[in-house]
């Protein structure tokens, strides 16, 4: 009677794997696939130790066609990938350097052999390697690894296991991304990841679409200049994909948190490609219908406006409602609302810049622009109402209040008379607001200077500023600006605006009661010393204009009687006036020419009261 042969055991498998001939090892690996399943960690470890890594790597290379394998190379490839995936399920093995070093090879397999069954095990291996160690994560940022993966991931079938695994891999890489690894050698791989995610965000209509949205927002909000530069030089199809994805999210009934992510992504896109990204026509050459520019612009604006209105209302309720609630819970909610509000405000600020600059080759209809301006007016009114509520509750400190002032200042810089009644009523309060880490108002004044420099061109604006001695706040901010350790170009522009505001205000002194206080006296001392170091004619002339108008309010005798003033300070004023009148200004620069003439006129009015200054100026030039 025939007896049934016993099934091969694990020991039989291990004996084959330890054999000297490749045929034995190969037969052992075929058997090993039956034992290396599920959570049988002990069996997997024994098989790994028996086979030896060199043979497994050689088998994989043969399967890839890098070594002679004949007609069996596809079998070798499938077998080696299956075994690698099994080994990687044991984290102790997956974290080994020799396993991590297989990542570039497996990524290459994914890019060249898109057969789904092989791809699925490849992505399982790659995911488990990334999960096992930091070394595994870092390997993916080596040159060409991410490029190889990204080209395949974006073409994987919807709902496939491979797409699910690859998405989990991308999430892990994004969440664990260390900015220290972003350099010229690795940045192209990250850019390829963005391109891949952009396509998924565009074409998918399942949970992975929102996974892609979150990953894109996370990567682009790093504001990494290397990444931004790499994306700018990448063909713009990725940007069109993101635009279609954002449109889809904002058009549908989706929770507010996802819409905020889409708005954050739009804000990042405008940072990378410029504010006029919203206005760029795009064609993705597929069945996807791209929303016309006018509708897209209004969709972005209206979505931001809705979120701002809701967030301001919720924030005011959380801050000022007296119902019992855990202070910790309330504070966490407030901080979350403030972060969300910052996203919407940042986007709105870029939108204001886009509308005001009038992009070259403007493609928006006039009716669209008018709708946008009307919407902006309404939203700024809501932000002013939020500040009114804060004033009513005696709140003068907070980064959310400062953010509100910034967006108001951005808009009023372009439309200084918008929301005039509310702005006039709140202006004194606005200029008194402080950020959380400020000890006195500064940034709130800087944000409002573009508007202040315009409204003070008229007597009504000067009277408004005088009603709460706002000119003193402007003077204090000017002093803080020129006392900065390093003055940037942006700071220099703000200094000019502060000087313009003071000049406008002092030019209307006949209708105002202005007294020389310590702030104006300090400007006379420090502004000349700062300005004469500049090579910018506009800074020199505008600084001289401020000092010339302040001098008209006082006398040399009074200044020398002041404890902080001496002859050297008067000499510095003299040198500044001479320097400003000595500037060679072109005929087309009417504003600077007018300021020079104003300085001359002011000098002639007060020269008799300042013999020291008068003598130095007359020696330098004939005025």
Foldseek 3Di string as FASTA:
>chain_A
DDDDDDDDDLVCLLVLLQDDDPVSVVVSLVVLLVVLDDPPVVSLVSNDVRNDVVSLVVLCCQLVVVDPDPPCSVVSNQSSLSSLLSNLVDLVSLQDPSLLVCQQVLLQCVLPPVDPVSLLSSLSNLQSSLVNDPSSLLSCQAAPSLLSNLVRQLPDDPPRSSVVSVLSSLLSSLVPPDCVSDDPRRLLSVLSVLLSLLSCLQPDDDPSVLSSLVSLLSVLVVVDPSNLVSNVPDPCLSVQSLLNSLCVVLVDPDDLVSNLSNLSNVLSVCVSPNLCSLVDDDDNPDPRDHDHSLVSLVSSLVSLLVLLLVLLVVLLCLVPPPDDDPPVVSVVVNVVSLVSNLSSLSSLLSSLVCLLVQDPPGDHDPVSSVVSVVSLLVSLVSLLVSVVSCVVVVHQEEPSLLSNLLSNLSNCLRVLCRVPVSCLVCVVSQQFHYYNPDPTRASSCLSNLSSLLPLLLDPVSLVSCQVNVVLLSLLVNLVVLLPDPDHDPSSLVSNLSSLSNLLSNLVNCVVDPDADDPSLLVLLQVQLVSQVVDPDLSSLLSSLLNNLSSCLRDFPVVQCVDPVDDLVSLVSNLVSLLVNLPDDDDPVPVVSVVSNVSSVVSCVNHVVRYVSSVVSNVVSDPD
